[in-house]
Amino acid sequence: MAAHNDLGKMGEDLAAKHLLQNGYKILDRNWIYQKKELDIVAVKDDLLVVVEVKSRSTEYFEHPADAITLSKIKFLVRATQGYVDSKEIVQEVRFDVISVIKQDAKFVIEHIEDAFSAPVD
């Protein structure tokens, strides 16, 4: 496995641990719908929370959260709609982003709740 894939997997594991420690119940990880993947789907306070995890070995070039483009948001919204439809979920949905940045021998985790809304076409 390539080093960036290892970092991505580690970042998702750390993000999941962070969510569990903060009272979230994880429903799914790496859920795929028509080639679209949701990193983490969780529930907290009666909300369905879809979490996009972005991991980086440095934020020198770009903060991980800045990698969430409009096309990525639309992609996540379509996959979330597929998830909600397939699971027959009626809860309100919130989109979060968790950035995991490796700094020397440790990782810094930043959780941005309600990071974006579903765009109106």
PDB file of N, CA and C in Angstrom:
ATOM      1  N   MET A   1       0.855  -1.185   0.000  1.00  0.00           N
ATOM      2  CA  MET A   1       0.000   0.000   0.000  1.00  0.00           C
ATOM      3  C   MET A   1       0.894   1.240   0.000  1.00  0.00           C
ATOM      4  N   ALA A   2       0.559   2.229  -0.792  1.00  0.00           N
ATOM      5  CA  ALA A   2       1.345   3.458  -0.885  1.00  0.00           C
ATOM      6  C   ALA A   2       1.275   4.228   0.429  1.00  0.00           C
ATOM      7  N   ALA A   3       2.308   5.031   0.691  1.00  0.00           N
ATOM      8  CA  ALA A   3       2.381   5.781   1.948  1.00  0.00           C
ATOM      9  C   ALA A   3       1.181   6.705   2.132  1.00  0.00           C
ATOM     10  N   HIS A   4       0.706   7.342   1.037  1.00  0.00           N
ATOM     11  CA  HIS A   4      -0.440   8.243   1.179  1.00  0.00           C
ATOM     12  C   HIS A   4      -1.705   7.462   1.531  1.00  0.00           C
ATOM     13  N   ASN A   5      -1.803   6.208   1.062  1.00  0.00           N
ATOM     14  CA  ASN A   5      -2.945   5.368   1.441  1.00  0.00           C
ATOM     15  C   ASN A   5      -2.869   4.983   2.910  1.00  0.00           C
ATOM     16  N   ASP A   6      -1.651   4.691   3.395  1.00  0.00           N
ATOM     17  CA  ASP A   6      -1.457   4.390   4.816  1.00  0.00           C
ATOM     18  C   ASP A   6      -1.874   5.582   5.664  1.00  0.00           C
ATOM     19  N   LEU A   7      -1.466   6.774   5.242  1.00  0.00           N
ATOM     20  CA  LEU A   7      -1.813   7.988   5.981  1.00  0.00           C
ATOM     21  C   LEU A   7      -3.320   8.204   5.968  1.00  0.00           C
ATOM     22  N   GLY A   8      -3.955   7.982   4.831  1.00  0.00           N
ATOM     23  CA  GLY A   8      -5.406   8.136   4.734  1.00  0.00           C
ATOM     24  C   GLY A   8      -6.136   7.177   5.649  1.00  0.00           C
ATOM     25  N   LYS A   9      -5.708   5.916   5.683  1.00  0.00           N
ATOM     26  CA  LYS A   9      -6.327   4.908   6.553  1.00  0.00           C
ATOM     27  C   LYS A   9      -6.119   5.280   8.015  1.00  0.00           C
ATOM     28  N   MET A  10      -4.901   5.694   8.357  1.00  0.00           N
ATOM     29  CA  MET A  10      -4.617   6.092   9.734  1.00  0.00           C
ATOM     30  C   MET A  10      -5.456   7.311  10.115  1.00  0.00           C
ATOM     31  N   GLY A  11      -5.573   8.257   9.193  1.00  0.00           N
ATOM     32  CA  GLY A  11      -6.382   9.446   9.449  1.00  0.00           C
ATOM     33  C   GLY A  11      -7.835   9.093   9.701  1.00  0.00           C
ATOM     34  N   GLU A  12      -8.377   8.179   8.900  1.00  0.00           N
ATOM     35  CA  GLU A  12      -9.769   7.758   9.102  1.00  0.00           C
ATOM     36  C   GLU A  12      -9.940   7.024  10.427  1.00  0.00           C
ATOM     37  N   ASP A  13      -8.957   6.208  10.801  1.00  0.00           N
ATOM     38  CA  ASP A  13      -9.020   5.516  12.095  1.00  0.00           C
ATOM     39  C   ASP A  13      -8.989   6.518  13.250  1.00  0.00           C
ATOM     40  N   LEU A  14      -8.121   7.516  13.155  1.00  0.00           N
ATOM     41  CA  LEU A  14      -8.041   8.543  14.206  1.00  0.00           C
ATOM     42  C   LEU A  14      -9.317   9.374  14.256  1.00  0.00           C
ATOM     43  N   ALA A  15      -9.880   9.678  13.106  1.00  0.00           N
ATOM     44  CA  ALA A  15     -11.135  10.439  13.060  1.00  0.00           C
ATOM     45  C   ALA A  15     -12.263   9.640  13.707  1.00  0.00           C
ATOM     46  N   ALA A  16     -12.341   8.350  13.413  1.00  0.00           N
ATOM     47  CA  ALA A  16     -13.375   7.496  14.007  1.00  0.00           C
ATOM     48  C   ALA A  16     -13.213   7.442  15.525  1.00  0.00           C
ATOM     49  N   LYS A  17     -11.989   7.305  15.982  1.00  0.00           N
ATOM     50  CA  LYS A  17     -11.720   7.282  17.430  1.00  0.00           C
ATOM     51  C   LYS A  17     -12.156   8.598  18.070  1.00  0.00           C
ATOM     52  N   HIS A  18     -11.833   9.708  17.412  1.00  0.00           N
ATOM     53  CA  HIS A  18     -12.225  11.035  17.901  1.00  0.00           C
ATOM     54  C   HIS A  18     -13.746  11.131  18.021  1.00  0.00           C
ATOM     55  N   LEU A  19     -14.452  10.672  17.008  1.00  0.00           N
ATOM     56  CA  LEU A  19     -15.915  10.728  17.031  1.00  0.00           C
ATOM     57  C   LEU A  19     -16.477   9.892  18.176  1.00  0.00           C
ATOM     58  N   LEU A  20     -15.981   8.676  18.334  1.00  0.00           N
ATOM     59  CA  LEU A  20     -16.455   7.808  19.418  1.00  0.00           C
ATOM     60  C   LEU A  20     -16.213   8.440  20.785  1.00  0.00           C
ATOM     61  N   GLN A  21     -15.046   9.053  20.957  1.00  0.00           N
ATOM     62  CA  GLN A  21     -14.714   9.703  22.233  1.00  0.00           C
ATOM     63  C   GLN A  21     -15.594  10.914  22.505  1.00  0.00           C
ATOM     64  N   ASN A  22     -16.228  11.436  21.463  1.00  0.00           N
ATOM     65  CA  ASN A  22     -17.073  12.617  21.615  1.00  0.00           C
ATOM     66  C   ASN A  22     -18.563  12.298  21.482  1.00  0.00           C
ATOM     67  N   GLY A  23     -18.916  11.052  21.725  1.00  0.00           N
ATOM     68  CA  GLY A  23     -20.315  10.684  21.824  1.00  0.00           C
ATOM     69  C   GLY A  23     -21.036  10.330  20.542  1.00  0.00           C
ATOM     70  N   TYR A  24     -20.315  10.155  19.457  1.00  0.00           N
ATOM     71  CA  TYR A  24     -20.931   9.755  18.192  1.00  0.00           C
ATOM     72  C   TYR A  24     -21.038   8.234  18.142  1.00  0.00           C
ATOM     73  N   LYS A  25     -22.058   7.747  17.464  1.00  0.00           N
ATOM     74  CA  LYS A  25     -22.193   6.320  17.178  1.00  0.00           C
ATOM     75  C   LYS A  25     -21.921   6.157  15.688  1.00  0.00           C
ATOM     76  N   ILE A  26     -20.925   5.372  15.351  1.00  0.00           N
ATOM     77  CA  ILE A  26     -20.568   5.178  13.947  1.00  0.00           C
ATOM     78  C   ILE A  26     -21.445   4.087  13.346  1.00  0.00           C
ATOM     79  N   LEU A  27     -22.110   4.437  12.247  1.00  0.00           N
ATOM     80  CA  LEU A  27     -22.983   3.496  11.549  1.00  0.00           C
ATOM     81  C   LEU A  27     -22.248   2.768  10.431  1.00  0.00           C
ATOM     82  N   ASP A  28     -21.424   3.497   9.694  1.00  0.00           N
ATOM     83  CA  ASP A  28     -20.700   2.919   8.557  1.00  0.00           C
ATOM     84  C   ASP A  28     -19.395   3.664   8.331  1.00  0.00           C
ATOM     85  N   ARG A  29     -18.451   2.924   7.741  1.00  0.00           N
ATOM     86  CA  ARG A  29     -17.191   3.523   7.292  1.00  0.00           C
ATOM     87  C   ARG A  29     -16.943   3.063   5.864  1.00  0.00           C
ATOM     88  N   ASN A  30     -16.455   3.980   5.051  1.00  0.00           N
ATOM     89  CA  ASN A  30     -16.113   3.688   3.655  1.00  0.00           C
ATOM     90  C   ASN A  30     -17.297   3.069   2.910  1.00  0.00           C
ATOM     91  N   TRP A  31     -18.454   3.707   3.064  1.00  0.00           N
ATOM     92  CA  TRP A  31     -19.678   3.233   2.415  1.00  0.00           C
ATOM     93  C   TRP A  31     -19.680   3.725   0.970  1.00  0.00           C
ATOM     94  N   ILE A  32     -19.889   2.806   0.036  1.00  0.00           N
ATOM     95  CA  ILE A  32     -19.780   3.142  -1.389  1.00  0.00           C
ATOM     96  C   ILE A  32     -21.148   3.103  -2.053  1.00  0.00           C
ATOM     97  N   TYR A  33     -21.389   4.136  -2.863  1.00  0.00           N
ATOM     98  CA  TYR A  33     -22.615   4.244  -3.652  1.00  0.00           C
ATOM     99  C   TYR A  33     -22.233   4.770  -5.028  1.00  0.00           C
ATOM    100  N   GLN A  34     -22.400   3.962  -6.045  1.00  0.00           N
ATOM    101  CA  GLN A  34     -22.079   4.343  -7.423  1.00  0.00           C
ATOM    102  C   GLN A  34     -20.707   5.019  -7.537  1.00  0.00           C
ATOM    103  N   LYS A  35     -19.701   4.355  -7.042  1.00  0.00           N
ATOM    104  CA  LYS A  35     -18.311   4.823  -7.078  1.00  0.00           C
ATOM    105  C   LYS A  35     -18.057   6.039  -6.197  1.00  0.00           C
ATOM    106  N   LYS A  36     -19.027   6.404  -5.384  1.00  0.00           N
ATOM    107  CA  LYS A  36     -18.857   7.517  -4.452  1.00  0.00           C
ATOM    108  C   LYS A  36     -18.719   6.923  -3.057  1.00  0.00           C
ATOM    109  N   GLU A  37     -17.762   7.431  -2.293  1.00  0.00           N
ATOM    110  CA  GLU A  37     -17.513   6.865  -0.967  1.00  0.00           C
ATOM    111  C   GLU A  37     -17.749   7.894   0.126  1.00  0.00           C
ATOM    112  N   LEU A  38     -18.463   7.465   1.152  1.00  0.00           N
ATOM    113  CA  LEU A  38     -18.617   8.262   2.366  1.00  0.00           C
ATOM    114  C   LEU A  38     -17.627   7.702   3.377  1.00  0.00           C
ATOM    115  N   ASP A  39     -16.720   8.559   3.877  1.00  0.00           N
ATOM    116  CA  ASP A  39     -15.682   8.082   4.793  1.00  0.00           C
ATOM    117  C   ASP A  39     -16.281   7.525   6.079  1.00  0.00           C
ATOM    118  N   ILE A  40     -17.088   8.349   6.754  1.00  0.00           N
ATOM    119  CA  ILE A  40     -17.706   7.929   8.014  1.00  0.00           C
ATOM    120  C   ILE A  40     -19.137   8.450   8.047  1.00  0.00           C
ATOM    121  N   VAL A  41     -20.062   7.577   8.434  1.00  0.00           N
ATOM    122  CA  VAL A  41     -21.450   7.970   8.665  1.00  0.00           C
ATOM    123  C   VAL A  41     -21.730   7.660  10.129  1.00  0.00           C
ATOM    124  N   ALA A  42     -22.192   8.671  10.859  1.00  0.00           N
ATOM    125  CA  ALA A  42     -22.402   8.523  12.298  1.00  0.00           C
ATOM    126  C   ALA A  42     -23.712   9.185  12.708  1.00  0.00           C
ATOM    127  N   VAL A  43     -24.073   8.984  13.954  1.00  0.00           N
ATOM    128  CA  VAL A  43     -25.260   9.612  14.532  1.00  0.00           C
ATOM    129  C   VAL A  43     -24.855  10.264  15.841  1.00  0.00           C
ATOM    130  N   LYS A  44     -25.375  11.475  16.049  1.00  0.00           N
ATOM    131  CA  LYS A  44     -25.219  12.151  17.336  1.00  0.00           C
ATOM    132  C   LYS A  44     -26.366  13.143  17.480  1.00  0.00           C
ATOM    133  N   ASP A  45     -26.950  13.165  18.666  1.00  0.00           N
ATOM    134  CA  ASP A  45     -28.025  14.117  18.968  1.00  0.00           C
ATOM    135  C   ASP A  45     -29.121  14.093  17.908  1.00  0.00           C
ATOM    136  N   ASP A  46     -29.528  12.911  17.505  1.00  0.00           N
ATOM    137  CA  ASP A  46     -30.622  12.730  16.548  1.00  0.00           C
ATOM    138  C   ASP A  46     -30.310  13.279  15.151  1.00  0.00           C
ATOM    139  N   LEU A  47     -29.047  13.496  14.855  1.00  0.00           N
ATOM    140  CA  LEU A  47     -28.615  13.931  13.523  1.00  0.00           C
ATOM    141  C   LEU A  47     -27.824  12.810  12.863  1.00  0.00           C
ATOM    142  N   LEU A  48     -28.020  12.644  11.571  1.00  0.00           N
ATOM    143  CA  LEU A  48     -27.146  11.789  10.789  1.00  0.00           C
ATOM    144  C   LEU A  48     -25.970  12.669  10.372  1.00  0.00           C
ATOM    145  N   VAL A  49     -24.769  12.268  10.724  1.00  0.00           N
ATOM    146  CA  VAL A  49     -23.583  13.083  10.453  1.00  0.00           C
ATOM    147  C   VAL A  49     -22.692  12.349   9.455  1.00  0.00           C
ATOM    148  N   VAL A  50     -22.492  12.978   8.303  1.00  0.00           N
ATOM    149  CA  VAL A  50     -21.613  12.440   7.272  1.00  0.00           C
ATOM    150  C   VAL A  50     -20.286  13.176   7.404  1.00  0.00           C
ATOM    151  N   VAL A  51     -19.215  12.408   7.603  1.00  0.00           N
ATOM    152  CA  VAL A  51     -17.906  13.003   7.884  1.00  0.00           C
ATOM    153  C   VAL A  51     -16.940  12.696   6.746  1.00  0.00           C
ATOM    154  N   GLU A  52     -16.403  13.736   6.163  1.00  0.00           N
ATOM    155  CA  GLU A  52     -15.333  13.617   5.174  1.00  0.00           C
ATOM    156  C   GLU A  52     -14.021  13.806   5.925  1.00  0.00           C
ATOM    157  N   VAL A  53     -13.124  12.845   5.783  1.00  0.00           N
ATOM    158  CA  VAL A  53     -11.837  12.896   6.476  1.00  0.00           C
ATOM    159  C   VAL A  53     -10.761  13.261   5.466  1.00  0.00           C
ATOM    160  N   LYS A  54      -9.973  14.262   5.806  1.00  0.00           N
ATOM    161  CA  LYS A  54      -8.858  14.680   4.961  1.00  0.00           C
ATOM    162  C   LYS A  54      -7.585  14.603   5.787  1.00  0.00           C
ATOM    163  N   SER A  55      -6.630  13.831   5.309  1.00  0.00           N
ATOM    164  CA  SER A  55      -5.366  13.646   6.018  1.00  0.00           C
ATOM    165  C   SER A  55      -4.223  14.196   5.183  1.00  0.00           C
ATOM    166  N   ARG A  56      -3.270  14.783   5.860  1.00  0.00           N
ATOM    167  CA  ARG A  56      -2.090  15.329   5.188  1.00  0.00           C
ATOM    168  C   ARG A  56      -0.859  15.098   6.067  1.00  0.00           C
ATOM    169  N   SER A  57       0.276  14.971   5.425  1.00  0.00           N
ATOM    170  CA  SER A  57       1.523  14.845   6.173  1.00  0.00           C
ATOM    171  C   SER A  57       2.063  16.220   6.549  1.00  0.00           C
ATOM    172  N   THR A  58       1.498  17.249   5.942  1.00  0.00           N
ATOM    173  CA  THR A  58       1.863  18.627   6.257  1.00  0.00           C
ATOM    174  C   THR A  58       0.750  19.532   5.758  1.00  0.00           C
ATOM    175  N   GLU A  59       0.637  20.722   6.325  1.00  0.00           N
ATOM    176  CA  GLU A  59      -0.321  21.681   5.772  1.00  0.00           C
ATOM    177  C   GLU A  59       0.418  22.797   5.036  1.00  0.00           C
ATOM    178  N   TYR A  60       1.672  22.505   4.651  1.00  0.00           N
ATOM    179  CA  TYR A  60       2.499  23.495   3.978  1.00  0.00           C
ATOM    180  C   TYR A  60       1.836  23.996   2.695  1.00  0.00           C
ATOM    181  N   PHE A  61       1.306  23.088   1.888  1.00  0.00           N
ATOM    182  CA  PHE A  61       0.716  23.490   0.612  1.00  0.00           C
ATOM    183  C   PHE A  61      -0.745  23.884   0.747  1.00  0.00           C
ATOM    184  N   GLU A  62      -1.501  23.125   1.528  1.00  0.00           N
ATOM    185  CA  GLU A  62      -2.939  23.357   1.611  1.00  0.00           C
ATOM    186  C   GLU A  62      -3.462  22.691   2.882  1.00  0.00           C
ATOM    187  N   HIS A  63      -4.287  23.423   3.620  1.00  0.00           N
ATOM    188  CA  HIS A  63      -4.946  22.812   4.771  1.00  0.00           C
ATOM    189  C   HIS A  63      -5.885  21.738   4.231  1.00  0.00           C
ATOM    190  N   PRO A  64      -5.965  20.588   4.874  1.00  0.00           N
ATOM    191  CA  PRO A  64      -6.807  19.507   4.349  1.00  0.00           C
ATOM    192  C   PRO A  64      -8.253  19.908   4.079  1.00  0.00           C
ATOM    193  N   ALA A  65      -8.834  20.718   4.941  1.00  0.00           N
ATOM    194  CA  ALA A  65     -10.238  21.120   4.751  1.00  0.00           C
ATOM    195  C   ALA A  65     -10.425  21.936   3.475  1.00  0.00           C
ATOM    196  N   ASP A  66      -9.366  22.597   3.016  1.00  0.00           N
ATOM    197  CA  ASP A  66      -9.457  23.392   1.790  1.00  0.00           C
ATOM    198  C   ASP A  66      -9.563  22.521   0.537  1.00  0.00           C
ATOM    199  N   ALA A  67      -9.362  21.223   0.693  1.00  0.00           N
ATOM    200  CA  ALA A  67      -9.469  20.303  -0.442  1.00  0.00           C
ATOM    201  C   ALA A  67     -10.922  19.927  -0.738  1.00  0.00           C
ATOM    202  N   ILE A  68     -11.859  20.435   0.042  1.00  0.00           N
ATOM    203  CA  ILE A  68     -13.282  20.150  -0.176  1.00  0.00           C
ATOM    204  C   ILE A  68     -13.822  21.183  -1.167  1.00  0.00           C
ATOM    205  N   THR A  69     -13.874  20.801  -2.427  1.00  0.00           N
ATOM    206  CA  THR A  69     -14.336  21.688  -3.498  1.00  0.00           C
ATOM    207  C   THR A  69     -15.846  21.549  -3.684  1.00  0.00           C
ATOM    208  N   LEU A  70     -16.422  22.433  -4.486  1.00  0.00           N
ATOM    209  CA  LEU A  70     -17.851  22.352  -4.774  1.00  0.00           C
ATOM    210  C   LEU A  70     -18.199  21.019  -5.437  1.00  0.00           C
ATOM    211  N   SER A  71     -17.353  20.551  -6.345  1.00  0.00           N
ATOM    212  CA  SER A  71     -17.640  19.264  -6.991  1.00  0.00           C
ATOM    213  C   SER A  71     -17.576  18.122  -5.976  1.00  0.00           C
ATOM    214  N   LYS A  72     -16.659  18.198  -5.019  1.00  0.00           N
ATOM    215  CA  LYS A  72     -16.578  17.181  -3.961  1.00  0.00           C
ATOM    216  C   LYS A  72     -17.823  17.239  -3.080  1.00  0.00           C
ATOM    217  N   ILE A  73     -18.293  18.438  -2.784  1.00  0.00           N
ATOM    218  CA  ILE A  73     -19.508  18.591  -1.974  1.00  0.00           C
ATOM    219  C   ILE A  73     -20.696  17.956  -2.694  1.00  0.00           C
ATOM    220  N   LYS A  74     -20.841  18.237  -3.985  1.00  0.00           N
ATOM    221  CA  LYS A  74     -21.945  17.647  -4.755  1.00  0.00           C
ATOM    222  C   LYS A  74     -21.841  16.123  -4.772  1.00  0.00           C
ATOM    223  N   PHE A  75     -20.636  15.630  -4.906  1.00  0.00           N
ATOM    224  CA  PHE A  75     -20.345  14.203  -4.889  1.00  0.00           C
ATOM    225  C   PHE A  75     -20.785  13.597  -3.556  1.00  0.00           C
ATOM    226  N   LEU A  76     -20.440  14.245  -2.452  1.00  0.00           N
ATOM    227  CA  LEU A  76     -20.814  13.760  -1.117  1.00  0.00           C
ATOM    228  C   LEU A  76     -22.325  13.803  -0.906  1.00  0.00           C
ATOM    229  N   VAL A  77     -22.956  14.853  -1.401  1.00  0.00           N
ATOM    230  CA  VAL A  77     -24.408  14.992  -1.249  1.00  0.00           C
ATOM    231  C   VAL A  77     -25.128  13.876  -2.011  1.00  0.00           C
ATOM    232  N   ARG A  78     -24.672  13.568  -3.232  1.00  0.00           N
ATOM    233  CA  ARG A  78     -25.296  12.482  -4.012  1.00  0.00           C
ATOM    234  C   ARG A  78     -25.133  11.137  -3.302  1.00  0.00           C
ATOM    235  N   ALA A  79     -23.943  10.881  -2.797  1.00  0.00           N
ATOM    236  CA  ALA A  79     -23.707   9.623  -2.079  1.00  0.00           C
ATOM    237  C   ALA A  79     -24.537   9.561  -0.803  1.00  0.00           C
ATOM    238  N   THR A  80     -24.662  10.692  -0.124  1.00  0.00           N
ATOM    239  CA  THR A  80     -25.472  10.736   1.096  1.00  0.00           C
ATOM    240  C   THR A  80     -26.935  10.473   0.780  1.00  0.00           C
ATOM    241  N   GLN A  81     -27.418  11.030  -0.319  1.00  0.00           N
ATOM    242  CA  GLN A  81     -28.800  10.770  -0.716  1.00  0.00           C
ATOM    243  C   GLN A  81     -29.001   9.280  -0.982  1.00  0.00           C
ATOM    244  N   GLY A  82     -28.018   8.662  -1.613  1.00  0.00           N
ATOM    245  CA  GLY A  82     -28.080   7.220  -1.836  1.00  0.00           C
ATOM    246  C   GLY A  82     -28.101   6.446  -0.529  1.00  0.00           C
ATOM    247  N   TYR A  83     -27.309   6.894   0.430  1.00  0.00           N
ATOM    248  CA  TYR A  83     -27.263   6.243   1.747  1.00  0.00           C
ATOM    249  C   TYR A  83     -28.610   6.369   2.450  1.00  0.00           C
ATOM    250  N   VAL A  84     -29.118   7.583   2.496  1.00  0.00           N
ATOM    251  CA  VAL A  84     -30.398   7.859   3.165  1.00  0.00           C
ATOM    252  C   VAL A  84     -31.524   7.048   2.515  1.00  0.00           C
ATOM    253  N   ASP A  85     -31.549   7.017   1.196  1.00  0.00           N
ATOM    254  CA  ASP A  85     -32.586   6.267   0.483  1.00  0.00           C
ATOM    255  C   ASP A  85     -32.477   4.764   0.754  1.00  0.00           C
ATOM    256  N   SER A  86     -31.266   4.228   0.671  1.00  0.00           N
ATOM    257  CA  SER A  86     -31.093   2.778   0.822  1.00  0.00           C
ATOM    258  C   SER A  86     -31.367   2.303   2.246  1.00  0.00           C
ATOM    259  N   LYS A  87     -31.113   3.166   3.214  1.00  0.00           N
ATOM    260  CA  LYS A  87     -31.317   2.796   4.625  1.00  0.00           C
ATOM    261  C   LYS A  87     -32.658   3.298   5.166  1.00  0.00           C
ATOM    262  N   GLU A  88     -33.403   4.001   4.307  1.00  0.00           N
ATOM    263  CA  GLU A  88     -34.705   4.568   4.693  1.00  0.00           C
ATOM    264  C   GLU A  88     -34.592   5.430   5.955  1.00  0.00           C
ATOM    265  N   ILE A  89     -33.647   6.336   5.922  1.00  0.00           N
ATOM    266  CA  ILE A  89     -33.370   7.232   7.048  1.00  0.00           C
ATOM    267  C   ILE A  89     -34.180   8.510   6.888  1.00  0.00           C
ATOM    268  N   VAL A  90     -34.742   8.981   7.987  1.00  0.00           N
ATOM    269  CA  VAL A  90     -35.547  10.208   7.948  1.00  0.00           C
ATOM    270  C   VAL A  90     -34.929  11.322   8.801  1.00  0.00           C
ATOM    271  N   GLN A  91     -33.753  11.086   9.347  1.00  0.00           N
ATOM    272  CA  GLN A  91     -33.102  12.091  10.183  1.00  0.00           C
ATOM    273  C   GLN A  91     -32.532  13.231   9.348  1.00  0.00           C
ATOM    274  N   GLU A  92     -32.412  14.371   9.998  1.00  0.00           N
ATOM    275  CA  GLU A  92     -31.728  15.508   9.381  1.00  0.00           C
ATOM    276  C   GLU A  92     -30.253  15.148   9.224  1.00  0.00           C
ATOM    277  N   VAL A  93     -29.634  15.651   8.156  1.00  0.00           N
ATOM    278  CA  VAL A  93     -28.237  15.335   7.853  1.00  0.00           C
ATOM    279  C   VAL A  93     -27.366  16.561   8.080  1.00  0.00           C
ATOM    280  N   ARG A  94     -26.201  16.322   8.662  1.00  0.00           N
ATOM    281  CA  ARG A  94     -25.190  17.366   8.822  1.00  0.00           C
ATOM    282  C   ARG A  94     -23.898  16.847   8.202  1.00  0.00           C
ATOM    283  N   PHE A  95     -23.173  17.750   7.544  1.00  0.00           N
ATOM    284  CA  PHE A  95     -21.901  17.393   6.924  1.00  0.00           C
ATOM    285  C   PHE A  95     -20.755  17.997   7.731  1.00  0.00           C
ATOM    286  N   ASP A  96     -19.860  17.141   8.204  1.00  0.00           N
ATOM    287  CA  ASP A  96     -18.685  17.567   8.957  1.00  0.00           C
ATOM    288  C   ASP A  96     -17.427  17.225   8.163  1.00  0.00           C
ATOM    289  N   VAL A  97     -16.345  17.914   8.502  1.00  0.00           N
ATOM    290  CA  VAL A  97     -15.030  17.593   7.953  1.00  0.00           C
ATOM    291  C   VAL A  97     -14.081  17.412   9.131  1.00  0.00           C
ATOM    292  N   ILE A  98     -13.308  16.345   9.084  1.00  0.00           N
ATOM    293  CA  ILE A  98     -12.247  16.157  10.071  1.00  0.00           C
ATOM    294  C   ILE A  98     -10.925  16.181   9.321  1.00  0.00           C
ATOM    295  N   SER A  99     -10.061  17.105   9.725  1.00  0.00           N
ATOM    296  CA  SER A  99      -8.716  17.210   9.164  1.00  0.00           C
ATOM    297  C   SER A  99      -7.748  16.525  10.116  1.00  0.00           C
ATOM    298  N   VAL A 100      -6.893  15.703   9.569  1.00  0.00           N
ATOM    299  CA  VAL A 100      -5.862  15.030  10.349  1.00  0.00           C
ATOM    300  C   VAL A 100      -4.528  15.409   9.725  1.00  0.00           C
ATOM    301  N   ILE A 101      -3.713  16.128  10.493  1.00  0.00           N
ATOM    302  CA  ILE A 101      -2.425  16.607   9.985  1.00  0.00           C
ATOM    303  C   ILE A 101      -1.310  16.011  10.832  1.00  0.00           C
ATOM    304  N   LYS A 102      -0.375  15.352  10.166  1.00  0.00           N
ATOM    305  CA  LYS A 102       0.772  14.773  10.863  1.00  0.00           C
ATOM    306  C   LYS A 102       1.784  15.880  11.125  1.00  0.00           C
ATOM    307  N   GLN A 103       2.124  16.040  12.384  1.00  0.00           N
ATOM    308  CA  GLN A 103       3.142  17.021  12.775  1.00  0.00           C
ATOM    309  C   GLN A 103       4.186  16.293  13.601  1.00  0.00           C
ATOM    310  N   ASP A 104       5.336  16.095  13.004  1.00  0.00           N
ATOM    311  CA  ASP A 104       6.411  15.313  13.614  1.00  0.00           C
ATOM    312  C   ASP A 104       5.889  13.915  13.939  1.00  0.00           C
ATOM    313  N   ALA A 105       5.908  13.524  15.214  1.00  0.00           N
ATOM    314  CA  ALA A 105       5.488  12.166  15.581  1.00  0.00           C
ATOM    315  C   ALA A 105       4.043  12.104  16.062  1.00  0.00           C
ATOM    316  N   LYS A 106       3.311  13.214  15.960  1.00  0.00           N
ATOM    317  CA  LYS A 106       1.927  13.210  16.447  1.00  0.00           C
ATOM    318  C   LYS A 106       0.979  13.677  15.346  1.00  0.00           C
ATOM    319  N   PHE A 107      -0.304  13.543  15.632  1.00  0.00           N
ATOM    320  CA  PHE A 107      -1.337  13.969  14.697  1.00  0.00           C
ATOM    321  C   PHE A 107      -2.208  15.028  15.350  1.00  0.00           C
ATOM    322  N   VAL A 108      -2.544  16.051  14.587  1.00  0.00           N
ATOM    323  CA  VAL A 108      -3.445  17.098  15.055  1.00  0.00           C
ATOM    324  C   VAL A 108      -4.786  16.872  14.353  1.00  0.00           C
ATOM    325  N   ILE A 109      -5.844  16.794  15.154  1.00  0.00           N
ATOM    326  CA  ILE A 109      -7.181  16.546  14.620  1.00  0.00           C
ATOM    327  C   ILE A 109      -8.021  17.798  14.787  1.00  0.00           C
ATOM    328  N   GLU A 110      -8.627  18.227  13.696  1.00  0.00           N
ATOM    329  CA  GLU A 110      -9.531  19.378  13.714  1.00  0.00           C
ATOM    330  C   GLU A 110     -10.881  18.914  13.181  1.00  0.00           C
ATOM    331  N   HIS A 111     -11.910  19.072  13.997  1.00  0.00           N
ATOM    332  CA  HIS A 111     -13.262  18.639  13.623  1.00  0.00           C
ATOM    333  C   HIS A 111     -14.093  19.883  13.343  1.00  0.00           C
ATOM    334  N   ILE A 112     -14.519  20.030  12.107  1.00  0.00           N
ATOM    335  CA  ILE A 112     -15.355  21.160  11.703  1.00  0.00           C
ATOM    336  C   ILE A 112     -16.780  20.646  11.549  1.00  0.00           C
ATOM    337  N   GLU A 113     -17.625  20.986  12.514  1.00  0.00           N
ATOM    338  CA  GLU A 113     -19.019  20.568  12.455  1.00  0.00           C
ATOM    339  C   GLU A 113     -19.790  21.479  11.505  1.00  0.00           C
ATOM    340  N   ASP A 114     -20.764  20.903  10.813  1.00  0.00           N
ATOM    341  CA  ASP A 114     -21.603  21.658   9.880  1.00  0.00           C
ATOM    342  C   ASP A 114     -20.728  22.443   8.900  1.00  0.00           C
ATOM    343  N   ALA A 115     -19.763  21.741   8.323  1.00  0.00           N
ATOM    344  CA  ALA A 115     -18.741  22.366   7.477  1.00  0.00           C
ATOM    345  C   ALA A 115     -19.303  22.944   6.184  1.00  0.00           C
ATOM    346  N   PHE A 116     -20.361  22.345   5.677  1.00  0.00           N
ATOM    347  CA  PHE A 116     -20.995  22.852   4.455  1.00  0.00           C
ATOM    348  C   PHE A 116     -22.428  22.355   4.401  1.00  0.00           C
ATOM    349  N   SER A 117     -23.204  22.996   3.541  1.00  0.00           N
ATOM    350  CA  SER A 117     -24.592  22.598   3.313  1.00  0.00           C
ATOM    351  C   SER A 117     -24.717  22.029   1.911  1.00  0.00           C
ATOM    352  N   ALA A 118     -25.756  21.260   1.699  1.00  0.00           N
ATOM    353  CA  ALA A 118     -26.011  20.730   0.364  1.00  0.00           C
ATOM    354  C   ALA A 118     -26.331  21.889  -0.571  1.00  0.00           C
ATOM    355  N   PRO A 119     -25.621  21.994  -1.701  1.00  0.00           N
ATOM    356  CA  PRO A 119     -25.889  23.093  -2.638  1.00  0.00           C
ATOM    357  C   PRO A 119     -27.248  22.923  -3.311  1.00  0.00           C
ATOM    358  N   VAL A 120     -27.842  24.034  -3.646  1.00  0.00           N
ATOM    359  CA  VAL A 120     -29.116  24.029  -4.365  1.00  0.00           C
ATOM    360  C   VAL A 120     -28.800  24.150  -5.846  1.00  0.00           C
ATOM    361  N   ASP A 121     -29.242  23.178  -6.627  1.00  0.00           N
ATOM    362  CA  ASP A 121     -28.972  23.209  -8.079  1.00  0.00           C
ATOM    363  C   ASP A 121     -29.941  24.108  -8.796  1.00  0.00           C
TER     364      ASP A 121
END
